[in-house]
N, C-alpha and C. Protein backbone atom coordinates (compact mmCIF):
# COMPACT_ATOMS: atom_id res chain seq x y z
N MET A 1 -29.26 12.22 -45.17
CA MET A 1 -28.30 13.13 -45.80
C MET A 1 -26.92 12.49 -45.83
N ILE A 2 -26.05 13.05 -46.64
CA ILE A 2 -24.66 12.59 -46.74
C ILE A 2 -23.78 13.59 -46.01
N LYS A 3 -23.00 13.11 -45.05
CA LYS A 3 -22.17 14.00 -44.24
C LYS A 3 -20.74 14.05 -44.79
N ALA A 4 -20.04 15.13 -44.42
CA ALA A 4 -18.63 15.27 -44.79
C ALA A 4 -17.81 14.19 -44.08
N ASN A 5 -16.78 13.74 -44.76
CA ASN A 5 -15.93 12.68 -44.22
C ASN A 5 -14.48 12.99 -44.62
N HIS A 6 -13.91 14.02 -44.03
CA HIS A 6 -12.60 14.52 -44.42
C HIS A 6 -11.52 13.42 -44.37
N HIS A 7 -10.64 13.49 -45.35
CA HIS A 7 -9.48 12.61 -45.37
C HIS A 7 -8.28 13.45 -45.81
N TRP A 8 -7.21 13.39 -45.04
CA TRP A 8 -6.06 14.27 -45.28
C TRP A 8 -5.52 14.15 -46.70
N PHE A 9 -5.52 12.94 -47.26
CA PHE A 9 -4.94 12.77 -48.60
C PHE A 9 -5.76 13.52 -49.64
N PHE A 10 -7.07 13.40 -49.57
CA PHE A 10 -7.91 14.04 -50.57
C PHE A 10 -7.98 15.55 -50.37
N ILE A 11 -7.86 16.01 -49.13
CA ILE A 11 -7.77 17.45 -48.88
C ILE A 11 -6.55 18.02 -49.59
N ARG A 12 -5.40 17.37 -49.43
CA ARG A 12 -4.18 17.82 -50.10
C ARG A 12 -4.31 17.70 -51.61
N PHE A 13 -4.91 16.59 -52.05
CA PHE A 13 -5.07 16.38 -53.49
C PHE A 13 -5.89 17.50 -54.13
N PHE A 14 -7.05 17.82 -53.53
CA PHE A 14 -7.91 18.84 -54.12
C PHE A 14 -7.32 20.24 -53.97
N ASP A 15 -6.57 20.49 -52.91
CA ASP A 15 -5.86 21.78 -52.80
C ASP A 15 -4.89 21.93 -53.96
N GLY A 16 -4.10 20.88 -54.22
CA GLY A 16 -3.13 20.93 -55.31
C GLY A 16 -3.80 20.97 -56.67
N PHE A 17 -4.86 20.19 -56.85
CA PHE A 17 -5.60 20.17 -58.11
C PHE A 17 -6.17 21.55 -58.42
N THR A 18 -6.76 22.18 -57.41
CA THR A 18 -7.35 23.51 -57.59
C THR A 18 -6.29 24.52 -58.00
N LYS A 19 -5.17 24.50 -57.32
CA LYS A 19 -4.08 25.44 -57.63
C LYS A 19 -3.59 25.26 -59.06
N ARG A 20 -3.41 24.01 -59.47
CA ARG A 20 -2.92 23.74 -60.83
C ARG A 20 -3.94 24.14 -61.88
N LYS A 21 -5.21 23.84 -61.65
CA LYS A 21 -6.24 24.15 -62.63
C LYS A 21 -6.43 25.66 -62.79
N LEU A 22 -6.37 26.39 -61.70
CA LEU A 22 -6.48 27.85 -61.80
C LEU A 22 -5.33 28.43 -62.61
N LYS A 23 -4.14 27.87 -62.40
CA LYS A 23 -2.97 28.37 -63.12
C LYS A 23 -3.02 28.01 -64.59
N SER A 24 -3.52 26.81 -64.92
CA SER A 24 -3.50 26.35 -66.30
C SER A 24 -4.69 26.86 -67.12
N ASP A 25 -5.84 27.07 -66.48
CA ASP A 25 -7.06 27.37 -67.23
C ASP A 25 -7.42 28.85 -67.30
N PHE A 26 -6.74 29.68 -66.49
CA PHE A 26 -7.05 31.10 -66.48
C PHE A 26 -5.80 31.92 -66.76
N HIS A 27 -6.01 33.00 -67.51
CA HIS A 27 -4.90 33.92 -67.81
C HIS A 27 -4.41 34.58 -66.53
N HIS A 28 -5.35 34.96 -65.67
CA HIS A 28 -4.98 35.64 -64.42
C HIS A 28 -6.13 35.48 -63.43
N VAL A 29 -5.78 35.42 -62.16
CA VAL A 29 -6.78 35.37 -61.08
C VAL A 29 -6.60 36.61 -60.21
N ASN A 30 -7.66 37.41 -60.11
CA ASN A 30 -7.63 38.65 -59.33
C ASN A 30 -8.56 38.54 -58.12
N THR A 31 -8.26 39.28 -57.09
CA THR A 31 -9.20 39.45 -55.99
C THR A 31 -9.37 40.93 -55.72
N VAL A 32 -10.60 41.32 -55.49
CA VAL A 32 -10.94 42.70 -55.14
C VAL A 32 -11.63 42.66 -53.79
N GLY A 33 -11.06 43.31 -52.81
CA GLY A 33 -11.59 43.23 -51.45
C GLY A 33 -10.74 42.29 -50.61
N GLN A 34 -11.19 42.05 -49.40
CA GLN A 34 -10.37 41.29 -48.45
C GLN A 34 -11.24 40.54 -47.46
N TRP A 35 -10.83 39.33 -47.13
CA TRP A 35 -11.35 38.63 -45.96
C TRP A 35 -10.22 38.53 -44.95
N ASN A 36 -10.52 38.79 -43.70
CA ASN A 36 -9.52 38.67 -42.64
C ASN A 36 -9.77 37.42 -41.81
N GLU A 37 -8.71 36.81 -41.35
CA GLU A 37 -8.85 35.65 -40.48
C GLU A 37 -9.57 36.04 -39.21
N SER A 38 -10.38 35.13 -38.69
CA SER A 38 -11.18 35.41 -37.51
C SER A 38 -11.17 34.20 -36.59
N GLU A 39 -11.43 34.43 -35.33
CA GLU A 39 -11.55 33.33 -34.38
C GLU A 39 -12.92 32.65 -34.48
N LYS A 40 -13.84 33.25 -35.22
CA LYS A 40 -15.16 32.67 -35.40
C LYS A 40 -15.18 31.73 -36.59
N ALA A 41 -16.14 30.83 -36.60
CA ALA A 41 -16.39 30.03 -37.79
C ALA A 41 -16.83 30.96 -38.92
N ALA A 42 -16.59 30.54 -40.16
CA ALA A 42 -16.92 31.37 -41.31
C ALA A 42 -18.05 30.76 -42.11
N LEU A 43 -19.05 31.57 -42.44
CA LEU A 43 -20.11 31.18 -43.36
C LEU A 43 -19.91 31.97 -44.64
N ILE A 44 -19.61 31.26 -45.72
CA ILE A 44 -19.27 31.88 -47.00
C ILE A 44 -20.44 31.70 -47.96
N ILE A 45 -20.86 32.77 -48.60
CA ILE A 45 -21.95 32.74 -49.56
C ILE A 45 -21.43 33.21 -50.92
N GLY A 46 -21.62 32.38 -51.94
CA GLY A 46 -21.13 32.73 -53.27
C GLY A 46 -22.20 32.59 -54.33
N ASN A 47 -21.92 33.16 -55.50
CA ASN A 47 -22.83 32.97 -56.64
C ASN A 47 -22.55 31.61 -57.28
N HIS A 48 -23.61 30.97 -57.74
CA HIS A 48 -23.53 29.58 -58.21
C HIS A 48 -23.61 29.60 -59.74
N VAL A 49 -22.44 29.53 -60.39
CA VAL A 49 -22.41 29.77 -61.84
C VAL A 49 -21.76 28.66 -62.65
N SER A 50 -21.10 27.69 -62.01
CA SER A 50 -20.37 26.72 -62.82
C SER A 50 -19.92 25.51 -62.02
N TRP A 51 -19.38 24.56 -62.75
CA TRP A 51 -18.70 23.39 -62.18
C TRP A 51 -17.57 23.80 -61.25
N TRP A 52 -17.00 24.96 -61.51
CA TRP A 52 -15.83 25.43 -60.78
C TRP A 52 -16.13 25.85 -59.34
N ASP A 53 -17.37 26.11 -58.99
CA ASP A 53 -17.69 26.86 -57.77
C ASP A 53 -17.05 26.29 -56.50
N GLY A 54 -17.15 24.99 -56.30
CA GLY A 54 -16.55 24.39 -55.11
C GLY A 54 -15.05 24.55 -55.07
N PHE A 55 -14.41 24.43 -56.23
CA PHE A 55 -12.95 24.57 -56.30
C PHE A 55 -12.52 26.01 -56.03
N TRP A 56 -13.30 26.95 -56.55
CA TRP A 56 -13.01 28.36 -56.26
C TRP A 56 -13.11 28.63 -54.76
N ALA A 57 -14.11 28.04 -54.13
CA ALA A 57 -14.28 28.23 -52.68
C ALA A 57 -13.11 27.62 -51.91
N ILE A 58 -12.62 26.46 -52.37
CA ILE A 58 -11.43 25.86 -51.76
C ILE A 58 -10.25 26.82 -51.84
N TYR A 59 -10.06 27.42 -53.01
CA TYR A 59 -8.96 28.37 -53.22
C TYR A 59 -9.08 29.57 -52.27
N LEU A 60 -10.27 30.14 -52.17
CA LEU A 60 -10.46 31.33 -51.33
C LEU A 60 -10.25 31.01 -49.86
N ASN A 61 -10.75 29.86 -49.41
CA ASN A 61 -10.53 29.47 -48.02
C ASN A 61 -9.05 29.28 -47.74
N LYS A 62 -8.35 28.60 -48.63
CA LYS A 62 -6.93 28.33 -48.44
C LYS A 62 -6.13 29.63 -48.41
N ARG A 63 -6.50 30.57 -49.26
CA ARG A 63 -5.75 31.82 -49.37
C ARG A 63 -6.00 32.77 -48.20
N PHE A 64 -7.26 32.87 -47.76
CA PHE A 64 -7.60 33.92 -46.79
C PHE A 64 -7.92 33.41 -45.39
N LEU A 65 -8.46 32.22 -45.25
CA LEU A 65 -8.98 31.77 -43.96
C LEU A 65 -8.24 30.58 -43.39
N ASN A 66 -7.96 29.62 -44.23
CA ASN A 66 -7.27 28.39 -43.83
C ASN A 66 -8.02 27.65 -42.72
N LYS A 67 -9.34 27.52 -42.91
CA LYS A 67 -10.17 26.78 -41.96
C LYS A 67 -10.53 25.41 -42.53
N ARG A 68 -11.15 24.59 -41.71
CA ARG A 68 -11.58 23.25 -42.15
C ARG A 68 -12.76 23.45 -43.09
N PHE A 69 -12.60 23.03 -44.31
CA PHE A 69 -13.51 23.37 -45.40
C PHE A 69 -14.74 22.46 -45.44
N HIS A 70 -15.91 23.07 -45.63
CA HIS A 70 -17.15 22.33 -45.85
C HIS A 70 -17.95 23.07 -46.92
N VAL A 71 -18.64 22.31 -47.76
CA VAL A 71 -19.50 22.92 -48.78
C VAL A 71 -20.77 22.09 -48.92
N MET A 72 -21.89 22.78 -48.99
CA MET A 72 -23.18 22.12 -49.15
C MET A 72 -23.44 21.88 -50.63
N MET A 73 -23.83 20.62 -50.97
CA MET A 73 -24.17 20.26 -52.34
C MET A 73 -25.55 19.60 -52.37
N LEU A 74 -26.20 19.66 -53.53
CA LEU A 74 -27.44 18.92 -53.70
C LEU A 74 -27.16 17.43 -53.57
N GLU A 75 -28.03 16.73 -52.87
CA GLU A 75 -27.78 15.32 -52.56
C GLU A 75 -27.68 14.46 -53.82
N GLU A 76 -28.49 14.75 -54.83
CA GLU A 76 -28.44 13.95 -56.06
C GLU A 76 -27.09 14.09 -56.76
N GLN A 77 -26.47 15.26 -56.64
CA GLN A 77 -25.16 15.46 -57.25
C GLN A 77 -24.06 14.84 -56.41
N LEU A 78 -24.13 15.00 -55.10
CA LEU A 78 -23.10 14.45 -54.23
C LEU A 78 -23.14 12.92 -54.23
N ALA A 79 -24.32 12.35 -54.38
CA ALA A 79 -24.44 10.89 -54.42
C ALA A 79 -23.65 10.30 -55.59
N GLU A 80 -23.51 11.08 -56.66
CA GLU A 80 -22.75 10.63 -57.82
C GLU A 80 -21.26 10.97 -57.71
N ARG A 81 -20.92 11.79 -56.72
CA ARG A 81 -19.53 12.24 -56.57
C ARG A 81 -19.12 12.16 -55.10
N ARG A 82 -19.29 11.00 -54.51
CA ARG A 82 -19.07 10.85 -53.07
C ARG A 82 -17.63 11.13 -52.66
N LEU A 83 -16.72 11.10 -53.62
CA LEU A 83 -15.34 11.44 -53.32
C LEU A 83 -15.22 12.83 -52.73
N PHE A 84 -16.14 13.72 -53.12
CA PHE A 84 -16.09 15.10 -52.63
C PHE A 84 -16.33 15.18 -51.12
N THR A 85 -16.95 14.16 -50.53
CA THR A 85 -17.14 14.18 -49.07
C THR A 85 -15.78 14.16 -48.36
N LYS A 86 -14.76 13.61 -49.03
CA LYS A 86 -13.44 13.50 -48.42
C LYS A 86 -12.77 14.85 -48.25
N THR A 87 -13.26 15.86 -48.97
CA THR A 87 -12.71 17.20 -48.82
C THR A 87 -13.69 18.17 -48.16
N GLY A 88 -14.86 17.63 -47.70
CA GLY A 88 -15.75 18.46 -46.90
C GLY A 88 -17.14 18.67 -47.44
N ALA A 89 -17.51 18.04 -48.55
CA ALA A 89 -18.85 18.21 -49.08
C ALA A 89 -19.88 17.44 -48.25
N PHE A 90 -21.04 18.04 -48.08
CA PHE A 90 -22.18 17.38 -47.43
C PHE A 90 -23.44 17.76 -48.19
N SER A 91 -24.54 17.08 -47.93
CA SER A 91 -25.69 17.20 -48.83
C SER A 91 -26.89 17.89 -48.21
N ILE A 92 -27.74 18.36 -49.13
CA ILE A 92 -29.09 18.81 -48.79
C ILE A 92 -30.01 18.31 -49.89
N ASN A 93 -31.22 17.94 -49.51
CA ASN A 93 -32.20 17.40 -50.46
C ASN A 93 -33.48 18.21 -50.35
N PRO A 94 -33.58 19.31 -51.11
CA PRO A 94 -34.76 20.19 -51.02
C PRO A 94 -36.05 19.43 -51.27
N GLY A 95 -37.07 19.77 -50.48
CA GLY A 95 -38.36 19.11 -50.63
C GLY A 95 -38.47 17.81 -49.87
N ASN A 96 -37.40 17.43 -49.19
CA ASN A 96 -37.39 16.19 -48.41
C ASN A 96 -37.29 16.54 -46.93
N ARG A 97 -37.82 15.69 -46.08
CA ARG A 97 -37.79 15.95 -44.64
C ARG A 97 -36.37 16.00 -44.08
N SER A 98 -35.42 15.42 -44.83
CA SER A 98 -34.02 15.43 -44.38
C SER A 98 -33.41 16.82 -44.43
N VAL A 99 -34.12 17.79 -45.02
CA VAL A 99 -33.63 19.18 -45.03
C VAL A 99 -33.35 19.66 -43.60
N ILE A 100 -34.23 19.29 -42.67
CA ILE A 100 -34.05 19.70 -41.27
C ILE A 100 -32.74 19.17 -40.72
N GLU A 101 -32.41 17.93 -41.07
CA GLU A 101 -31.15 17.34 -40.63
C GLU A 101 -29.97 18.09 -41.22
N SER A 102 -30.06 18.49 -42.49
CA SER A 102 -28.99 19.23 -43.15
C SER A 102 -28.79 20.60 -42.51
N ILE A 103 -29.88 21.27 -42.17
CA ILE A 103 -29.80 22.58 -41.52
C ILE A 103 -29.16 22.45 -40.15
N ASP A 104 -29.59 21.45 -39.38
CA ASP A 104 -29.02 21.23 -38.05
C ASP A 104 -27.53 20.88 -38.14
N TYR A 105 -27.19 20.09 -39.14
CA TYR A 105 -25.79 19.68 -39.35
C TYR A 105 -24.94 20.91 -39.67
N THR A 106 -25.45 21.79 -40.53
CA THR A 106 -24.72 23.01 -40.90
C THR A 106 -24.52 23.90 -39.69
N ALA A 107 -25.57 24.07 -38.88
CA ALA A 107 -25.45 24.89 -37.68
C ALA A 107 -24.44 24.30 -36.71
N LYS A 108 -24.40 22.98 -36.60
CA LYS A 108 -23.42 22.33 -35.73
C LYS A 108 -22.00 22.58 -36.23
N LEU A 109 -21.80 22.52 -37.54
CA LEU A 109 -20.48 22.83 -38.09
C LEU A 109 -20.05 24.24 -37.73
N LEU A 110 -21.00 25.17 -37.80
CA LEU A 110 -20.69 26.57 -37.53
C LEU A 110 -20.50 26.87 -36.04
N SER A 111 -20.78 25.90 -35.20
CA SER A 111 -20.51 26.08 -33.77
C SER A 111 -19.05 25.78 -33.43
N ASN A 112 -18.30 25.29 -34.41
CA ASN A 112 -16.87 25.01 -34.24
C ASN A 112 -16.08 26.10 -34.95
N ASN A 113 -15.31 26.88 -34.22
CA ASN A 113 -14.62 28.04 -34.78
C ASN A 113 -13.54 27.68 -35.79
N GLU A 114 -13.18 26.40 -35.87
CA GLU A 114 -12.16 25.99 -36.84
C GLU A 114 -12.74 25.72 -38.22
N ASN A 115 -14.07 25.79 -38.35
CA ASN A 115 -14.72 25.42 -39.60
C ASN A 115 -15.10 26.61 -40.46
N CYS A 116 -15.16 26.38 -41.76
CA CYS A 116 -15.88 27.28 -42.66
C CYS A 116 -16.88 26.43 -43.43
N VAL A 117 -18.01 27.05 -43.75
CA VAL A 117 -19.07 26.39 -44.51
C VAL A 117 -19.41 27.28 -45.70
N VAL A 118 -19.44 26.69 -46.89
CA VAL A 118 -19.77 27.41 -48.11
C VAL A 118 -21.17 27.04 -48.56
N LEU A 119 -21.99 28.05 -48.81
CA LEU A 119 -23.35 27.84 -49.30
C LEU A 119 -23.54 28.58 -50.62
N PHE A 120 -24.34 27.98 -51.49
CA PHE A 120 -24.76 28.63 -52.73
C PHE A 120 -26.29 28.70 -52.68
N PRO A 121 -26.84 29.76 -52.04
CA PRO A 121 -28.28 29.80 -51.76
C PRO A 121 -29.17 29.92 -52.99
N GLN A 122 -28.58 30.12 -54.19
CA GLN A 122 -29.39 30.10 -55.40
C GLN A 122 -29.94 28.70 -55.65
N GLY A 123 -29.28 27.69 -55.07
CA GLY A 123 -29.79 26.33 -55.14
C GLY A 123 -29.34 25.55 -56.35
N LYS A 124 -29.23 26.18 -57.48
CA LYS A 124 -28.78 25.51 -58.69
C LYS A 124 -27.90 26.48 -59.49
N ILE A 125 -27.16 25.92 -60.44
CA ILE A 125 -26.27 26.74 -61.25
C ILE A 125 -27.09 27.67 -62.15
N ASN A 126 -26.69 28.93 -62.15
CA ASN A 126 -27.36 29.95 -62.95
C ASN A 126 -26.37 30.57 -63.94
N SER A 127 -26.90 31.28 -64.92
CA SER A 127 -26.04 31.96 -65.87
C SER A 127 -25.20 33.03 -65.18
N LEU A 128 -23.95 33.14 -65.59
CA LEU A 128 -23.07 34.18 -65.07
C LEU A 128 -23.58 35.57 -65.43
N TYR A 129 -24.44 35.66 -66.45
CA TYR A 129 -24.87 36.96 -66.97
C TYR A 129 -26.22 37.42 -66.44
N GLN A 130 -26.77 36.69 -65.50
CA GLN A 130 -28.05 37.13 -64.95
C GLN A 130 -27.84 38.36 -64.08
N ASN A 131 -28.88 39.15 -63.97
CA ASN A 131 -28.81 40.38 -63.18
C ASN A 131 -29.41 40.23 -61.79
N LYS A 132 -30.40 39.35 -61.67
CA LYS A 132 -31.10 39.20 -60.40
C LYS A 132 -30.70 37.91 -59.71
N ILE A 133 -30.28 38.01 -58.47
CA ILE A 133 -29.90 36.86 -57.65
C ILE A 133 -31.09 36.49 -56.77
N CYS A 134 -31.51 35.25 -56.82
CA CYS A 134 -32.65 34.79 -56.01
C CYS A 134 -32.21 33.63 -55.13
N PHE A 135 -32.33 33.81 -53.81
CA PHE A 135 -31.96 32.78 -52.86
C PHE A 135 -33.15 31.89 -52.53
N GLU A 136 -32.87 30.61 -52.38
CA GLU A 136 -33.87 29.68 -51.89
C GLU A 136 -34.03 29.84 -50.38
N LYS A 137 -35.18 29.40 -49.87
CA LYS A 137 -35.41 29.42 -48.43
C LYS A 137 -34.46 28.46 -47.73
N GLY A 138 -34.16 28.74 -46.49
CA GLY A 138 -33.35 27.83 -45.70
C GLY A 138 -32.17 28.49 -45.01
N ILE A 139 -31.58 29.49 -45.67
CA ILE A 139 -30.41 30.11 -45.09
C ILE A 139 -30.73 30.83 -43.78
N GLU A 140 -31.95 31.39 -43.67
CA GLU A 140 -32.31 32.08 -42.43
C GLU A 140 -32.41 31.08 -41.27
N LYS A 141 -32.82 29.86 -41.55
CA LYS A 141 -32.91 28.85 -40.49
C LYS A 141 -31.52 28.44 -40.01
N ILE A 142 -30.57 28.42 -40.93
CA ILE A 142 -29.19 28.14 -40.53
C ILE A 142 -28.67 29.24 -39.63
N LEU A 143 -28.92 30.49 -40.01
CA LEU A 143 -28.45 31.63 -39.19
C LEU A 143 -29.13 31.64 -37.83
N GLN A 144 -30.41 31.30 -37.79
CA GLN A 144 -31.14 31.31 -36.52
C GLN A 144 -30.60 30.26 -35.55
N LYS A 145 -30.11 29.14 -36.08
CA LYS A 145 -29.64 28.05 -35.23
C LYS A 145 -28.14 28.12 -34.95
N SER A 146 -27.45 29.05 -35.61
CA SER A 146 -25.99 29.12 -35.48
C SER A 146 -25.58 30.21 -34.50
N PRO A 147 -24.41 30.08 -33.88
CA PRO A 147 -23.86 31.17 -33.08
C PRO A 147 -23.39 32.28 -34.02
N ALA A 148 -22.93 33.37 -33.45
CA ALA A 148 -22.38 34.46 -34.26
C ALA A 148 -21.19 33.94 -35.06
N VAL A 149 -21.22 34.16 -36.37
CA VAL A 149 -20.16 33.68 -37.24
C VAL A 149 -19.60 34.84 -38.07
N GLN A 150 -18.49 34.57 -38.73
CA GLN A 150 -17.96 35.51 -39.70
C GLN A 150 -18.74 35.29 -41.00
N LEU A 151 -19.48 36.30 -41.44
CA LEU A 151 -20.35 36.18 -42.60
C LEU A 151 -19.65 36.82 -43.80
N LEU A 152 -19.34 35.99 -44.80
CA LEU A 152 -18.51 36.42 -45.92
C LEU A 152 -19.24 36.22 -47.24
N PHE A 153 -19.16 37.22 -48.11
CA PHE A 153 -19.71 37.13 -49.46
C PHE A 153 -18.56 37.04 -50.46
N TYR A 154 -18.78 36.31 -51.55
CA TYR A 154 -17.91 36.47 -52.71
C TYR A 154 -18.75 36.38 -53.98
N VAL A 155 -18.28 37.09 -54.99
CA VAL A 155 -18.85 37.01 -56.33
C VAL A 155 -17.71 36.67 -57.28
N ALA A 156 -17.89 35.63 -58.07
CA ALA A 156 -16.90 35.23 -59.07
C ALA A 156 -17.36 35.70 -60.44
N MET A 157 -16.46 36.35 -61.17
CA MET A 157 -16.77 36.83 -62.52
C MET A 157 -15.64 36.47 -63.47
N VAL A 158 -16.03 36.12 -64.69
CA VAL A 158 -15.07 35.66 -65.69
C VAL A 158 -15.23 36.49 -66.96
N ASP A 159 -14.10 36.99 -67.49
CA ASP A 159 -14.08 37.71 -68.76
C ASP A 159 -12.81 37.37 -69.51
N TYR A 160 -12.89 37.41 -70.84
CA TYR A 160 -11.72 37.13 -71.67
C TYR A 160 -10.93 38.40 -71.99
N PHE A 161 -11.62 39.50 -72.20
CA PHE A 161 -10.98 40.73 -72.66
C PHE A 161 -10.15 40.42 -73.90
N SER A 162 -8.87 40.71 -73.94
CA SER A 162 -8.07 40.48 -75.15
C SER A 162 -7.19 39.24 -75.06
N GLU A 163 -7.47 38.37 -74.09
CA GLU A 163 -6.63 37.20 -73.87
C GLU A 163 -7.29 35.93 -74.40
N GLN A 164 -6.48 34.92 -74.70
CA GLN A 164 -7.00 33.64 -75.17
C GLN A 164 -7.68 32.88 -74.03
N LYS A 165 -7.10 32.97 -72.85
CA LYS A 165 -7.69 32.36 -71.66
C LYS A 165 -8.45 33.41 -70.86
N PRO A 166 -9.47 32.99 -70.16
CA PRO A 166 -10.26 33.97 -69.40
C PRO A 166 -9.54 34.48 -68.17
N GLU A 167 -9.96 35.64 -67.74
CA GLU A 167 -9.49 36.22 -66.48
C GLU A 167 -10.58 36.00 -65.43
N LEU A 168 -10.19 35.54 -64.27
CA LEU A 168 -11.11 35.26 -63.17
C LEU A 168 -10.93 36.30 -62.08
N THR A 169 -12.03 36.91 -61.67
CA THR A 169 -11.97 37.92 -60.61
C THR A 169 -12.93 37.53 -59.48
N PHE A 170 -12.39 37.52 -58.27
CA PHE A 170 -13.21 37.31 -57.08
C PHE A 170 -13.39 38.65 -56.37
N TYR A 171 -14.63 38.99 -56.12
CA TYR A 171 -14.96 40.16 -55.30
C TYR A 171 -15.34 39.66 -53.91
N LEU A 172 -14.72 40.23 -52.90
CA LEU A 172 -14.87 39.74 -51.53
C LEU A 172 -15.43 40.83 -50.62
N LYS A 173 -16.25 40.42 -49.67
CA LYS A 173 -16.80 41.37 -48.70
C LYS A 173 -17.19 40.64 -47.42
N GLU A 174 -16.95 41.27 -46.29
CA GLU A 174 -17.43 40.75 -45.00
C GLU A 174 -18.64 41.56 -44.57
N ILE A 175 -19.68 40.87 -44.12
CA ILE A 175 -20.94 41.48 -43.72
C ILE A 175 -21.09 41.40 -42.21
N GLU A 176 -21.58 42.47 -41.62
CA GLU A 176 -21.84 42.44 -40.18
C GLU A 176 -22.89 41.37 -39.88
N TYR A 177 -22.57 40.50 -38.95
CA TYR A 177 -23.43 39.35 -38.68
C TYR A 177 -24.71 39.76 -37.95
N GLN A 178 -25.83 39.25 -38.44
CA GLN A 178 -27.12 39.35 -37.77
C GLN A 178 -27.92 38.09 -38.11
N LYS A 179 -29.02 37.88 -37.43
CA LYS A 179 -29.92 36.77 -37.75
C LYS A 179 -30.84 37.21 -38.89
N TYR A 180 -30.27 37.36 -40.07
CA TYR A 180 -31.02 37.87 -41.20
C TYR A 180 -32.09 36.90 -41.67
N SER A 181 -33.16 37.45 -42.22
CA SER A 181 -34.12 36.63 -42.95
C SER A 181 -33.53 36.33 -44.32
N THR A 182 -34.12 35.36 -45.02
CA THR A 182 -33.66 35.05 -46.37
C THR A 182 -33.76 36.27 -47.26
N GLU A 183 -34.85 37.02 -47.15
CA GLU A 183 -35.03 38.21 -47.99
C GLU A 183 -33.97 39.26 -47.69
N GLU A 184 -33.64 39.44 -46.41
CA GLU A 184 -32.64 40.46 -46.04
C GLU A 184 -31.26 40.11 -46.56
N ILE A 185 -30.85 38.88 -46.38
CA ILE A 185 -29.51 38.49 -46.81
C ILE A 185 -29.46 38.43 -48.34
N ASN A 186 -30.57 38.09 -48.97
CA ASN A 186 -30.65 38.12 -50.43
C ASN A 186 -30.45 39.55 -50.94
N SER A 187 -31.10 40.51 -50.27
CA SER A 187 -30.98 41.92 -50.67
C SER A 187 -29.55 42.43 -50.49
N LEU A 188 -28.92 42.06 -49.37
CA LEU A 188 -27.54 42.47 -49.14
C LEU A 188 -26.61 41.90 -50.22
N TYR A 189 -26.85 40.65 -50.57
CA TYR A 189 -26.01 40.03 -51.60
C TYR A 189 -26.26 40.68 -52.96
N GLN A 190 -27.53 40.99 -53.25
CA GLN A 190 -27.86 41.64 -54.52
C GLN A 190 -27.18 42.99 -54.65
N LEU A 191 -27.15 43.77 -53.57
CA LEU A 191 -26.47 45.07 -53.60
C LEU A 191 -24.99 44.89 -53.90
N PHE A 192 -24.38 43.92 -53.23
CA PHE A 192 -22.96 43.65 -53.46
C PHE A 192 -22.73 43.18 -54.89
N TYR A 193 -23.60 42.31 -55.36
CA TYR A 193 -23.49 41.79 -56.72
C TYR A 193 -23.58 42.91 -57.75
N ASN A 194 -24.48 43.85 -57.54
CA ASN A 194 -24.62 44.99 -58.45
C ASN A 194 -23.34 45.83 -58.48
N GLU A 195 -22.73 46.03 -57.31
CA GLU A 195 -21.47 46.77 -57.24
C GLU A 195 -20.37 46.05 -58.02
N CYS A 196 -20.35 44.72 -57.91
CA CYS A 196 -19.33 43.93 -58.60
C CYS A 196 -19.49 44.02 -60.11
N ILE A 197 -20.74 43.96 -60.59
CA ILE A 197 -20.98 44.08 -62.02
C ILE A 197 -20.52 45.45 -62.53
N GLU A 198 -20.83 46.49 -61.79
CA GLU A 198 -20.42 47.84 -62.19
C GLU A 198 -18.90 47.93 -62.28
N HIS A 199 -18.22 47.38 -61.28
CA HIS A 199 -16.75 47.40 -61.27
C HIS A 199 -16.19 46.59 -62.42
N GLN A 200 -16.79 45.42 -62.66
CA GLN A 200 -16.29 44.51 -63.69
C GLN A 200 -16.44 45.12 -65.09
N THR A 201 -17.56 45.77 -65.35
CA THR A 201 -17.81 46.34 -66.67
C THR A 201 -16.95 47.56 -66.95
N CYS A 202 -16.38 48.14 -65.90
CA CYS A 202 -15.51 49.32 -66.09
C CYS A 202 -14.03 48.95 -66.16
N LYS A 203 -13.72 47.67 -65.94
CA LYS A 203 -12.31 47.26 -65.79
C LYS A 203 -11.47 47.53 -67.02
N ASN A 204 -12.03 47.28 -68.19
CA ASN A 204 -11.22 47.32 -69.41
C ASN A 204 -11.53 48.57 -70.26
N GLN A 205 -12.10 49.58 -69.63
CA GLN A 205 -12.43 50.81 -70.37
C GLN A 205 -11.29 51.82 -70.27
């Protein structure tokens, strides 16, 4: 597997890049809900819808948590973008025996209260307009091997409404931590996702 290899210069660079791109590419950025700072490590779960996902997670961490950022990426993608390791990306290779190493590595990161780890359990980028969220196996093994963490959900949604540039809305929620199975945490995320869609579709009425 490919491990994170933080470098202060690239952390600052990507923080600044993310801030500039959000300002230039979106009409407005909204947040609905709240994450509170915690003494525990944070496990963040988001919907996987675009090239933007890692940058959006950087923005949310910087705004609400300010922890040492880590994000899990598919190994084939990270191998082509190794620069991302400098800001906290690490790899997983589904179907390979190295998955066990990636799970153990993630659990070790979550044993440090200064860290946050971002996961996209859908495994691959999906359409923003899908209704059903399906998580791949593996997240329950991370939870089983990790200490109690701050478990955070976000859903990112994009709409143009009457503007030339799109509006970006992040829906945020903190979940009571348990050693959930993949099916249980998938169901919790699906319920939250359904609430977000309902809120989003009523915004401009």
